[in-house]
Each structure stands twice: as C-alpha cells, then as structure tokens.
Amino acid sequence: MLGYFEPPYYAVIFTSVRGGDTEGYDATAARMFELASQREGFLGVDLARGDIGITISYWRDLEAIRRWREQVEHLEAQRLGRERWYARYRVRIARVEREYGRDSPELL
C-alpha cells in the first residue's frame, strides 16, 4: 500500500512464521483484508512475505483496533492461526507520531 496517513495513528505489526498446514489460509487472509477495510478507523495495510511474514495494518485509534480484534470472523481466524497456520507469531501495537519518505506529500 505505502499510503500516507496523517499522524498520529496506530500500527498493528503482525510478524509470523507459518507452520506446515496452510489449508484455507489464503482465502481467510483475503477475507480478513476485505472485512478490515470496511471497519471504521481502518487506514490501510502493508504486507511482506518471505521466511517471516510481516503484516502492518494502520488504524486511526486504539478503539478501532479493539473493535477489529473482537470482530467475530477475525476471532475465528485468530483461532485457526494459533491452532493450524502459525508456528510462531508476535503482535505489536505502536503509535506513529511522525511519517516521512520519498512519496510523502511533505518531508518532515
């Protein structure tokens, strides 16, 4: 995505190592993106996949993150991830105070 969002906002950083069973993973990941993008407070997502997967979703505030975490289909995807898809994972939540880059509207 590499979009620009006006700080402050929040980043949910999900890093993972997949296990052997990936049946249903791609369809569920696509559905989670579809659902998240419809949520109030969702700003966007960046993805990278290699030996380690990194998904960073961007949210307007902590309340939007809490509501997403408790969404029913997302809860089921979390359960499947713990039980089937991920050998390891970590979730980090960070507040973004400042953003800049080559494609930003302004460099801070």
PDB file of N, CA and C in Angstrom:
ATOM      1  N   MET A   1       0.833  -1.193   0.000  1.00  0.00           N
ATOM      2  CA  MET A   1       0.000   0.000   0.000  1.00  0.00           C
ATOM      3  C   MET A   1       0.870   1.246   0.000  1.00  0.00           C
ATOM      4  N   LEU A   2       1.788   1.349   0.928  1.00  0.00           N
ATOM      5  CA  LEU A   2       2.672   2.502   1.018  1.00  0.00           C
ATOM      6  C   LEU A   2       1.915   3.819   0.923  1.00  0.00           C
ATOM      7  N   GLY A   3       0.790   3.890   1.613  1.00  0.00           N
ATOM      8  CA  GLY A   3      -0.006   5.111   1.633  1.00  0.00           C
ATOM      9  C   GLY A   3       0.494   6.085   2.675  1.00  0.00           C
ATOM     10  N   TYR A   4       0.016   7.298   2.604  1.00  0.00           N
ATOM     11  CA  TYR A   4       0.345   8.310   3.596  1.00  0.00           C
ATOM     12  C   TYR A   4      -0.865   8.554   4.465  1.00  0.00           C
ATOM     13  N   PHE A   5      -0.666   8.532   5.769  1.00  0.00           N
ATOM     14  CA  PHE A   5      -1.723   8.794   6.735  1.00  0.00           C
ATOM     15  C   PHE A   5      -1.242   9.916   7.640  1.00  0.00           C
ATOM     16  N   GLU A   6      -2.110  10.805   7.974  1.00  0.00           N
ATOM     17  CA  GLU A   6      -1.749  11.938   8.823  1.00  0.00           C
ATOM     18  C   GLU A   6      -1.556  11.455  10.265  1.00  0.00           C
ATOM     19  N   PRO A   7      -0.341  11.558  10.807  1.00  0.00           N
ATOM     20  CA  PRO A   7      -0.111  11.179  12.201  1.00  0.00           C
ATOM     21  C   PRO A   7      -0.840  12.124  13.147  1.00  0.00           C
ATOM     22  N   PRO A   8      -1.122  11.672  14.358  1.00  0.00           N
ATOM     23  CA  PRO A   8      -0.791  10.343  14.874  1.00  0.00           C
ATOM     24  C   PRO A   8      -1.838   9.305  14.459  1.00  0.00           C
ATOM     25  N   TYR A   9      -1.379   8.084  14.334  1.00  0.00           N
ATOM     26  CA  TYR A   9      -2.232   6.934  14.099  1.00  0.00           C
ATOM     27  C   TYR A   9      -1.513   5.721  14.685  1.00  0.00           C
ATOM     28  N   TYR A  10      -2.109   4.552  14.568  1.00  0.00           N
ATOM     29  CA  TYR A  10      -1.548   3.351  15.175  1.00  0.00           C
ATOM     30  C   TYR A  10      -1.230   2.305  14.119  1.00  0.00           C
ATOM     31  N   ALA A  11      -0.178   1.565  14.376  1.00  0.00           N
ATOM     32  CA  ALA A  11       0.228   0.458  13.520  1.00  0.00           C
ATOM     33  C   ALA A  11       0.151  -0.833  14.334  1.00  0.00           C
ATOM     34  N   VAL A  12      -0.537  -1.827  13.784  1.00  0.00           N
ATOM     35  CA  VAL A  12      -0.539  -3.168  14.369  1.00  0.00           C
ATOM     36  C   VAL A  12       0.418  -3.988  13.509  1.00  0.00           C
ATOM     37  N   ILE A  13       1.521  -4.400  14.111  1.00  0.00           N
ATOM     38  CA  ILE A  13       2.575  -5.107  13.395  1.00  0.00           C
ATOM     39  C   ILE A  13       2.475  -6.583  13.761  1.00  0.00           C
ATOM     40  N   PHE A  14       2.139  -7.392  12.767  1.00  0.00           N
ATOM     41  CA  PHE A  14       1.966  -8.828  12.973  1.00  0.00           C
ATOM     42  C   PHE A  14       3.080  -9.542  12.219  1.00  0.00           C
ATOM     43  N   THR A  15       3.980 -10.175  12.954  1.00  0.00           N
ATOM     44  CA  THR A  15       5.045 -10.965  12.340  1.00  0.00           C
ATOM     45  C   THR A  15       4.764 -12.437  12.610  1.00  0.00           C
ATOM     46  N   SER A  16       5.070 -13.276  11.617  1.00  0.00           N
ATOM     47  CA  SER A  16       4.722 -14.684  11.770  1.00  0.00           C
ATOM     48  C   SER A  16       5.650 -15.583  10.969  1.00  0.00           C
ATOM     49  N   VAL A  17       5.716 -16.818  11.436  1.00  0.00           N
ATOM     50  CA  VAL A  17       6.350 -17.913  10.712  1.00  0.00           C
ATOM     51  C   VAL A  17       5.271 -18.965  10.550  1.00  0.00           C
ATOM     52  N   ARG A  18       4.979 -19.324   9.323  1.00  0.00           N
ATOM     53  CA  ARG A  18       3.928 -20.316   9.090  1.00  0.00           C
ATOM     54  C   ARG A  18       4.402 -21.714   9.450  1.00  0.00           C
ATOM     55  N   GLY A  19       3.407 -22.527   9.853  1.00  0.00           N
ATOM     56  CA  GLY A  19       3.655 -23.936  10.100  1.00  0.00           C
ATOM     57  C   GLY A  19       3.399 -24.720   8.821  1.00  0.00           C
ATOM     58  N   GLY A  20       3.234 -26.017   8.945  1.00  0.00           N
ATOM     59  CA  GLY A  20       3.064 -26.866   7.771  1.00  0.00           C
ATOM     60  C   GLY A  20       1.683 -26.835   7.157  1.00  0.00           C
ATOM     61  N   ASP A  21       0.652 -26.621   7.945  1.00  0.00           N
ATOM     62  CA  ASP A  21      -0.731 -26.672   7.459  1.00  0.00           C
ATOM     63  C   ASP A  21      -1.182 -25.273   7.053  1.00  0.00           C
ATOM     64  N   THR A  22      -1.341 -25.049   5.762  1.00  0.00           N
ATOM     65  CA  THR A  22      -1.774 -23.730   5.297  1.00  0.00           C
ATOM     66  C   THR A  22      -3.120 -23.798   4.576  1.00  0.00           C
ATOM     67  N   GLU A  23      -3.800 -24.928   4.674  1.00  0.00           N
ATOM     68  CA  GLU A  23      -5.093 -25.066   4.004  1.00  0.00           C
ATOM     69  C   GLU A  23      -6.073 -24.002   4.509  1.00  0.00           C
ATOM     70  N   GLY A  24      -6.637 -23.256   3.574  1.00  0.00           N
ATOM     71  CA  GLY A  24      -7.612 -22.233   3.902  1.00  0.00           C
ATOM     72  C   GLY A  24      -7.006 -20.891   4.262  1.00  0.00           C
ATOM     73  N   TYR A  25      -5.672 -20.828   4.353  1.00  0.00           N
ATOM     74  CA  TYR A  25      -5.015 -19.598   4.797  1.00  0.00           C
ATOM     75  C   TYR A  25      -5.252 -18.434   3.827  1.00  0.00           C
ATOM     76  N   ASP A  26      -4.992 -18.637   2.551  1.00  0.00           N
ATOM     77  CA  ASP A  26      -5.087 -17.544   1.580  1.00  0.00           C
ATOM     78  C   ASP A  26      -6.496 -16.967   1.498  1.00  0.00           C
ATOM     79  N   ALA A  27      -7.496 -17.836   1.488  1.00  0.00           N
ATOM     80  CA  ALA A  27      -8.885 -17.363   1.432  1.00  0.00           C
ATOM     81  C   ALA A  27      -9.241 -16.580   2.694  1.00  0.00           C
ATOM     82  N   THR A  28      -8.780 -17.060   3.841  1.00  0.00           N
ATOM     83  CA  THR A  28      -9.066 -16.364   5.095  1.00  0.00           C
ATOM     84  C   THR A  28      -8.346 -15.026   5.145  1.00  0.00           C
ATOM     85  N   ALA A  29      -7.102 -14.979   4.701  1.00  0.00           N
ATOM     86  CA  ALA A  29      -6.353 -13.718   4.686  1.00  0.00           C
ATOM     87  C   ALA A  29      -7.048 -12.694   3.789  1.00  0.00           C
ATOM     88  N   ALA A  30      -7.527 -13.129   2.633  1.00  0.00           N
ATOM     89  CA  ALA A  30      -8.247 -12.219   1.735  1.00  0.00           C
ATOM     90  C   ALA A  30      -9.534 -11.717   2.382  1.00  0.00           C
ATOM     91  N   ARG A  31     -10.228 -12.602   3.067  1.00  0.00           N
ATOM     92  CA  ARG A  31     -11.470 -12.213   3.747  1.00  0.00           C
ATOM     93  C   ARG A  31     -11.177 -11.233   4.881  1.00  0.00           C
ATOM     94  N   MET A  32     -10.098 -11.439   5.620  1.00  0.00           N
ATOM     95  CA  MET A  32      -9.756 -10.529   6.714  1.00  0.00           C
ATOM     96  C   MET A  32      -9.457  -9.130   6.170  1.00  0.00           C
ATOM     97  N   PHE A  33      -8.746  -9.056   5.036  1.00  0.00           N
ATOM     98  CA  PHE A  33      -8.485  -7.752   4.434  1.00  0.00           C
ATOM     99  C   PHE A  33      -9.795  -7.091   4.003  1.00  0.00           C
ATOM    100  N   GLU A  34     -10.672  -7.868   3.397  1.00  0.00           N
ATOM    101  CA  GLU A  34     -11.972  -7.339   2.972  1.00  0.00           C
ATOM    102  C   GLU A  34     -12.744  -6.780   4.165  1.00  0.00           C
ATOM    103  N   LEU A  35     -12.811  -7.543   5.246  1.00  0.00           N
ATOM    104  CA  LEU A  35     -13.540  -7.104   6.441  1.00  0.00           C
ATOM    105  C   LEU A  35     -12.880  -5.901   7.104  1.00  0.00           C
ATOM    106  N   ALA A  36     -11.550  -5.957   7.263  1.00  0.00           N
ATOM    107  CA  ALA A  36     -10.838  -4.862   7.923  1.00  0.00           C
ATOM    108  C   ALA A  36     -11.028  -3.559   7.158  1.00  0.00           C
ATOM    109  N   SER A  37     -10.982  -3.634   5.833  1.00  0.00           N
ATOM    110  CA  SER A  37     -11.087  -2.419   5.029  1.00  0.00           C
ATOM    111  C   SER A  37     -12.460  -1.755   5.139  1.00  0.00           C
ATOM    112  N   GLN A  38     -13.446  -2.484   5.645  1.00  0.00           N
ATOM    113  CA  GLN A  38     -14.788  -1.938   5.841  1.00  0.00           C
ATOM    114  C   GLN A  38     -14.985  -1.366   7.239  1.00  0.00           C
ATOM    115  N   ARG A  39     -14.011  -1.553   8.112  1.00  0.00           N
ATOM    116  CA  ARG A  39     -14.142  -1.130   9.509  1.00  0.00           C
ATOM    117  C   ARG A  39     -13.866   0.359   9.658  1.00  0.00           C
ATOM    118  N   GLU A  40     -14.647   0.988  10.510  1.00  0.00           N
ATOM    119  CA  GLU A  40     -14.391   2.381  10.846  1.00  0.00           C
ATOM    120  C   GLU A  40     -13.026   2.483  11.524  1.00  0.00           C
ATOM    121  N   GLY A  41     -12.213   3.412  11.079  1.00  0.00           N
ATOM    122  CA  GLY A  41     -10.905   3.619  11.669  1.00  0.00           C
ATOM    123  C   GLY A  41      -9.773   2.905  10.962  1.00  0.00           C
ATOM    124  N   PHE A  42     -10.086   2.018  10.001  1.00  0.00           N
ATOM    125  CA  PHE A  42      -9.054   1.320   9.242  1.00  0.00           C
ATOM    126  C   PHE A  42      -8.472   2.274   8.206  1.00  0.00           C
ATOM    127  N   LEU A  43      -7.132   2.335   8.132  1.00  0.00           N
ATOM    128  CA  LEU A  43      -6.475   3.239   7.193  1.00  0.00           C
ATOM    129  C   LEU A  43      -5.824   2.513   6.018  1.00  0.00           C
ATOM    130  N   GLY A  44      -5.280   1.332   6.262  1.00  0.00           N
ATOM    131  CA  GLY A  44      -4.607   0.601   5.192  1.00  0.00           C
ATOM    132  C   GLY A  44      -3.748  -0.510   5.747  1.00  0.00           C
ATOM    133  N   VAL A  45      -3.016  -1.160   4.842  1.00  0.00           N
ATOM    134  CA  VAL A  45      -2.183  -2.292   5.239  1.00  0.00           C
ATOM    135  C   VAL A  45      -0.979  -2.393   4.309  1.00  0.00           C
ATOM    136  N   ASP A  46       0.149  -2.830   4.862  1.00  0.00           N
ATOM    137  CA  ASP A  46       1.345  -3.192   4.104  1.00  0.00           C
ATOM    138  C   ASP A  46       1.669  -4.644   4.420  1.00  0.00           C
ATOM    139  N   LEU A  47       2.099  -5.400   3.403  1.00  0.00           N
ATOM    140  CA  LEU A  47       2.386  -6.824   3.562  1.00  0.00           C
ATOM    141  C   LEU A  47       3.746  -7.161   2.980  1.00  0.00           C
ATOM    142  N   ALA A  48       4.440  -8.083   3.618  1.00  0.00           N
ATOM    143  CA  ALA A  48       5.674  -8.646   3.083  1.00  0.00           C
ATOM    144  C   ALA A  48       5.727 -10.109   3.521  1.00  0.00           C
ATOM    145  N   ARG A  49       6.084 -10.992   2.594  1.00  0.00           N
ATOM    146  CA  ARG A  49       6.137 -12.410   2.935  1.00  0.00           C
ATOM    147  C   ARG A  49       7.421 -12.999   2.394  1.00  0.00           C
ATOM    148  N   GLY A  50       8.149 -13.647   3.267  1.00  0.00           N
ATOM    149  CA  GLY A  50       9.350 -14.419   2.943  1.00  0.00           C
ATOM    150  C   GLY A  50       9.377 -15.550   3.954  1.00  0.00           C
ATOM    151  N   ASP A  51      10.520 -15.830   4.515  1.00  0.00           N
ATOM    152  CA  ASP A  51      10.580 -16.812   5.599  1.00  0.00           C
ATOM    153  C   ASP A  51       9.763 -16.326   6.792  1.00  0.00           C
ATOM    154  N   ILE A  52       9.764 -14.995   6.970  1.00  0.00           N
ATOM    155  CA  ILE A  52       8.962 -14.361   8.013  1.00  0.00           C
ATOM    156  C   ILE A  52       7.922 -13.484   7.320  1.00  0.00           C
ATOM    157  N   GLY A  53       6.678 -13.601   7.743  1.00  0.00           N
ATOM    158  CA  GLY A  53       5.630 -12.743   7.206  1.00  0.00           C
ATOM    159  C   GLY A  53       5.469 -11.510   8.081  1.00  0.00           C
ATOM    160  N   ILE A  54       5.267 -10.376   7.430  1.00  0.00           N
ATOM    161  CA  ILE A  54       5.041  -9.130   8.157  1.00  0.00           C
ATOM    162  C   ILE A  54       3.802  -8.464   7.577  1.00  0.00           C
ATOM    163  N   THR A  55       2.818  -8.258   8.424  1.00  0.00           N
ATOM    164  CA  THR A  55       1.614  -7.522   8.047  1.00  0.00           C
ATOM    165  C   THR A  55       1.500  -6.343   8.998  1.00  0.00           C
ATOM    166  N   ILE A  56       1.421  -5.156   8.426  1.00  0.00           N
ATOM    167  CA  ILE A  56       1.252  -3.956   9.243  1.00  0.00           C
ATOM    168  C   ILE A  56      -0.068  -3.322   8.839  1.00  0.00           C
ATOM    169  N   SER A  57      -1.006  -3.309   9.766  1.00  0.00           N
ATOM    170  CA  SER A  57      -2.271  -2.628   9.498  1.00  0.00           C
ATOM    171  C   SER A  57      -2.275  -1.313  10.261  1.00  0.00           C
ATOM    172  N   TYR A  58      -2.884  -0.305   9.644  1.00  0.00           N
ATOM    173  CA  TYR A  58      -2.870   1.046  10.187  1.00  0.00           C
ATOM    174  C   TYR A  58      -4.281   1.438  10.597  1.00  0.00           C
ATOM    175  N   TRP A  59      -4.388   2.028  11.780  1.00  0.00           N
ATOM    176  CA  TRP A  59      -5.681   2.342  12.374  1.00  0.00           C
ATOM    177  C   TRP A  59      -5.666   3.750  12.956  1.00  0.00           C
ATOM    178  N   ARG A  60      -6.805   4.393  12.932  1.00  0.00           N
ATOM    179  CA  ARG A  60      -6.932   5.754  13.440  1.00  0.00           C
ATOM    180  C   ARG A  60      -6.711   5.824  14.949  1.00  0.00           C
ATOM    181  N   ASP A  61      -7.209   4.832  15.710  1.00  0.00           N
ATOM    182  CA  ASP A  61      -7.096   4.904  17.166  1.00  0.00           C
ATOM    183  C   ASP A  61      -7.152   3.507  17.779  1.00  0.00           C
ATOM    184  N   LEU A  62      -6.879   3.441  19.080  1.00  0.00           N
ATOM    185  CA  LEU A  62      -6.873   2.155  19.790  1.00  0.00           C
ATOM    186  C   LEU A  62      -8.252   1.523  19.857  1.00  0.00           C
ATOM    187  N   GLU A  63      -9.289   2.330  19.894  1.00  0.00           N
ATOM    188  CA  GLU A  63     -10.649   1.793  19.935  1.00  0.00           C
ATOM    189  C   GLU A  63     -10.966   1.035  18.648  1.00  0.00           C
ATOM    190  N   ALA A  64     -10.550   1.546  17.514  1.00  0.00           N
ATOM    191  CA  ALA A  64     -10.768   0.844  16.240  1.00  0.00           C
ATOM    192  C   ALA A  64     -10.034  -0.496  16.240  1.00  0.00           C
ATOM    193  N   ILE A  65      -8.829  -0.523  16.792  1.00  0.00           N
ATOM    194  CA  ILE A  65      -8.069  -1.776  16.891  1.00  0.00           C
ATOM    195  C   ILE A  65      -8.802  -2.759  17.790  1.00  0.00           C
ATOM    196  N   ARG A  66      -9.301  -2.275  18.923  1.00  0.00           N
ATOM    197  CA  ARG A  66     -10.040  -3.162  19.841  1.00  0.00           C
ATOM    198  C   ARG A  66     -11.269  -3.753  19.167  1.00  0.00           C
ATOM    199  N   ARG A  67     -12.019  -2.926  18.454  1.00  0.00           N
ATOM    200  CA  ARG A  67     -13.226  -3.427  17.772  1.00  0.00           C
ATOM    201  C   ARG A  67     -12.864  -4.470  16.715  1.00  0.00           C
ATOM    202  N   TRP A  68     -11.775  -4.250  15.989  1.00  0.00           N
ATOM    203  CA  TRP A  68     -11.341  -5.220  14.987  1.00  0.00           C
ATOM    204  C   TRP A  68     -10.912  -6.529  15.650  1.00  0.00           C
ATOM    205  N   ARG A  69     -10.163  -6.433  16.730  1.00  0.00           N
ATOM    206  CA  ARG A  69      -9.693  -7.626  17.436  1.00  0.00           C
ATOM    207  C   ARG A  69     -10.861  -8.496  17.892  1.00  0.00           C
ATOM    208  N   GLU A  70     -11.998  -7.871  18.187  1.00  0.00           N
ATOM    209  CA  GLU A  70     -13.155  -8.602  18.710  1.00  0.00           C
ATOM    210  C   GLU A  70     -14.187  -8.951  17.650  1.00  0.00           C
ATOM    211  N   GLN A  71     -13.928  -8.643  16.387  1.00  0.00           N
ATOM    212  CA  GLN A  71     -14.864  -8.974  15.303  1.00  0.00           C
ATOM    213  C   GLN A  71     -14.948 -10.498  15.188  1.00  0.00           C
ATOM    214  N   VAL A  72     -16.154 -11.025  15.027  1.00  0.00           N
ATOM    215  CA  VAL A  72     -16.407 -12.465  15.124  1.00  0.00           C
ATOM    216  C   VAL A  72     -15.589 -13.287  14.124  1.00  0.00           C
ATOM    217  N   GLU A  73     -15.586 -12.922  12.858  1.00  0.00           N
ATOM    218  CA  GLU A  73     -14.817 -13.694  11.870  1.00  0.00           C
ATOM    219  C   GLU A  73     -13.313 -13.569  12.121  1.00  0.00           C
ATOM    220  N   HIS A  74     -12.887 -12.416  12.602  1.00  0.00           N
ATOM    221  CA  HIS A  74     -11.478 -12.236  12.923  1.00  0.00           C
ATOM    222  C   HIS A  74     -11.080 -13.112  14.117  1.00  0.00           C
ATOM    223  N   LEU A  75     -11.964 -13.240  15.096  1.00  0.00           N
ATOM    224  CA  LEU A  75     -11.695 -14.134  16.225  1.00  0.00           C
ATOM    225  C   LEU A  75     -11.493 -15.573  15.747  1.00  0.00           C
ATOM    226  N   GLU A  76     -12.311 -16.015  14.797  1.00  0.00           N
ATOM    227  CA  GLU A  76     -12.166 -17.370  14.250  1.00  0.00           C
ATOM    228  C   GLU A  76     -10.849 -17.508  13.484  1.00  0.00           C
ATOM    229  N   ALA A  77     -10.477 -16.490  12.718  1.00  0.00           N
ATOM    230  CA  ALA A  77      -9.200 -16.522  12.000  1.00  0.00           C
ATOM    231  C   ALA A  77      -8.034 -16.575  12.983  1.00  0.00           C
ATOM    232  N   GLN A  78      -8.142 -15.846  14.078  1.00  0.00           N
ATOM    233  CA  GLN A  78      -7.096 -15.889  15.107  1.00  0.00           C
ATOM    234  C   GLN A  78      -6.964 -17.297  15.679  1.00  0.00           C
ATOM    235  N   ARG A  79      -8.100 -17.936  15.953  1.00  0.00           N
ATOM    236  CA  ARG A  79      -8.075 -19.299  16.490  1.00  0.00           C
ATOM    237  C   ARG A  79      -7.400 -20.249  15.507  1.00  0.00           C
ATOM    238  N   LEU A  80      -7.784 -20.164  14.227  1.00  0.00           N
ATOM    239  CA  LEU A  80      -7.180 -21.034  13.214  1.00  0.00           C
ATOM    240  C   LEU A  80      -5.687 -20.767  13.090  1.00  0.00           C
ATOM    241  N   GLY A  81      -5.305 -19.505  13.181  1.00  0.00           N
ATOM    242  CA  GLY A  81      -3.885 -19.173  13.125  1.00  0.00           C
ATOM    243  C   GLY A  81      -3.099 -19.824  14.247  1.00  0.00           C
ATOM    244  N   ARG A  82      -3.632 -19.730  15.457  1.00  0.00           N
ATOM    245  CA  ARG A  82      -2.948 -20.334  16.611  1.00  0.00           C
ATOM    246  C   ARG A  82      -2.898 -21.853  16.494  1.00  0.00           C
ATOM    247  N   GLU A  83      -4.003 -22.450  16.034  1.00  0.00           N
ATOM    248  CA  GLU A  83      -4.103 -23.912  16.025  1.00  0.00           C
ATOM    249  C   GLU A  83      -3.477 -24.565  14.791  1.00  0.00           C
ATOM    250  N   ARG A  84      -3.463 -23.861  13.629  1.00  0.00           N
ATOM    251  CA  ARG A  84      -3.065 -24.535  12.391  1.00  0.00           C
ATOM    252  C   ARG A  84      -1.970 -23.837  11.591  1.00  0.00           C
ATOM    253  N   TRP A  85      -2.054 -22.536  11.432  1.00  0.00           N
ATOM    254  CA  TRP A  85      -1.247 -21.884  10.407  1.00  0.00           C
ATOM    255  C   TRP A  85       0.104 -21.372  10.861  1.00  0.00           C
ATOM    256  N   TYR A  86       0.241 -20.976  12.108  1.00  0.00           N
ATOM    257  CA  TYR A  86       1.474 -20.313  12.540  1.00  0.00           C
ATOM    258  C   TYR A  86       2.280 -21.170  13.496  1.00  0.00           C
ATOM    259  N   ALA A  87       3.549 -21.342  13.173  1.00  0.00           N
ATOM    260  CA  ALA A  87       4.476 -21.973  14.105  1.00  0.00           C
ATOM    261  C   ALA A  87       4.833 -20.966  15.199  1.00  0.00           C
ATOM    262  N   ARG A  88       4.961 -19.696  14.782  1.00  0.00           N
ATOM    263  CA  ARG A  88       5.253 -18.605  15.724  1.00  0.00           C
ATOM    264  C   ARG A  88       4.604 -17.334  15.198  1.00  0.00           C
ATOM    265  N   TYR A  89       4.231 -16.466  16.115  1.00  0.00           N
ATOM    266  CA  TYR A  89       3.757 -15.136  15.717  1.00  0.00           C
ATOM    267  C   TYR A  89       3.932 -14.159  16.868  1.00  0.00           C
ATOM    268  N   ARG A  90       3.906 -12.887  16.531  1.00  0.00           N
ATOM    269  CA  ARG A  90       4.002 -11.818  17.525  1.00  0.00           C
ATOM    270  C   ARG A  90       3.179 -10.651  17.011  1.00  0.00           C
ATOM    271  N   VAL A  91       2.456  -9.998  17.919  1.00  0.00           N
ATOM    272  CA  VAL A  91       1.684  -8.803  17.593  1.00  0.00           C
ATOM    273  C   VAL A  91       2.248  -7.645  18.405  1.00  0.00           C
ATOM    274  N   ARG A  92       2.500  -6.550  17.734  1.00  0.00           N
ATOM    275  CA  ARG A  92       2.970  -5.333  18.388  1.00  0.00           C
ATOM    276  C   ARG A  92       2.061  -4.190  17.957  1.00  0.00           C
ATOM    277  N   ILE A  93       1.759  -3.303  18.868  1.00  0.00           N
ATOM    278  CA  ILE A  93       0.938  -2.135  18.557  1.00  0.00           C
ATOM    279  C   ILE A  93       1.759  -0.901  18.897  1.00  0.00           C
ATOM    280  N   ALA A  94       1.873  -0.007  17.923  1.00  0.00           N
ATOM    281  CA  ALA A  94       2.706   1.183  18.105  1.00  0.00           C
ATOM    282  C   ALA A  94       1.957   2.424  17.637  1.00  0.00           C
ATOM    283  N   ARG A  95       2.191   3.513  18.319  1.00  0.00           N
ATOM    284  CA  ARG A  95       1.642   4.808  17.908  1.00  0.00           C
ATOM    285  C   ARG A  95       2.658   5.476  16.974  1.00  0.00           C
ATOM    286  N   VAL A  96       2.188   5.881  15.820  1.00  0.00           N
ATOM    287  CA  VAL A  96       3.042   6.564  14.850  1.00  0.00           C
ATOM    288  C   VAL A  96       2.894   8.062  15.070  1.00  0.00           C
ATOM    289  N   GLU A  97       3.982   8.691  15.446  1.00  0.00           N
ATOM    290  CA  GLU A  97       3.996  10.124  15.738  1.00  0.00           C
ATOM    291  C   GLU A  97       4.399  10.952  14.532  1.00  0.00           C
ATOM    292  N   ARG A  98       5.212  10.352  13.679  1.00  0.00           N
ATOM    293  CA  ARG A  98       5.751  11.093  12.547  1.00  0.00           C
ATOM    294  C   ARG A  98       5.957  10.139  11.388  1.00  0.00           C
ATOM    295  N   GLU A  99       5.752  10.635  10.179  1.00  0.00           N
ATOM    296  CA  GLU A  99       5.941   9.822   8.986  1.00  0.00           C
ATOM    297  C   GLU A  99       6.571  10.688   7.910  1.00  0.00           C
ATOM    298  N   TYR A 100       7.518  10.112   7.193  1.00  0.00           N
ATOM    299  CA  TYR A 100       8.085  10.813   6.047  1.00  0.00           C
ATOM    300  C   TYR A 100       8.692   9.794   5.103  1.00  0.00           C
ATOM    301  N   GLY A 101       8.911  10.210   3.888  1.00  0.00           N
ATOM    302  CA  GLY A 101       9.511   9.326   2.884  1.00  0.00           C
ATOM    303  C   GLY A 101       9.501  10.005   1.528  1.00  0.00           C
ATOM    304  N   ARG A 102      10.009   9.322   0.572  1.00  0.00           N
ATOM    305  CA  ARG A 102      10.123   9.890  -0.769  1.00  0.00           C
ATOM    306  C   ARG A 102       8.768  10.172  -1.399  1.00  0.00           C
ATOM    307  N   ASP A 103       7.758   9.383  -1.059  1.00  0.00           N
ATOM    308  CA  ASP A 103       6.444   9.572  -1.660  1.00  0.00           C
ATOM    309  C   ASP A 103       5.472  10.349  -0.767  1.00  0.00           C
ATOM    310  N   SER A 104       5.954  10.896   0.359  1.00  0.00           N
ATOM    311  CA  SER A 104       5.087  11.654   1.266  1.00  0.00           C
ATOM    312  C   SER A 104       4.742  13.006   0.659  1.00  0.00           C
ATOM    313  N   PRO A 105       3.577  13.545   0.987  1.00  0.00           N
ATOM    314  CA  PRO A 105       3.213  14.874   0.482  1.00  0.00           C
ATOM    315  C   PRO A 105       4.160  15.958   0.971  1.00  0.00           C
ATOM    316  N   GLU A 106       4.753  15.748   2.133  1.00  0.00           N
ATOM    317  CA  GLU A 106       5.737  16.702   2.649  1.00  0.00           C
ATOM    318  C   GLU A 106       6.775  15.945   3.458  1.00  0.00           C
ATOM    319  N   LEU A 107       7.973  16.397   3.428  1.00  0.00           N
ATOM    320  CA  LEU A 107       9.018  15.782   4.236  1.00  0.00           C
ATOM    321  C   LEU A 107       9.139  16.544   5.531  1.00  0.00           C
ATOM    322  N   LEU A 108       9.047  15.844   6.651  1.00  0.00           N
ATOM    323  CA  LEU A 108       9.095  16.492   7.961  1.00  0.00           C
ATOM    324  C   LEU A 108      10.511  16.612   8.473  1.00  0.00           C
TER     325      LEU A 108
END
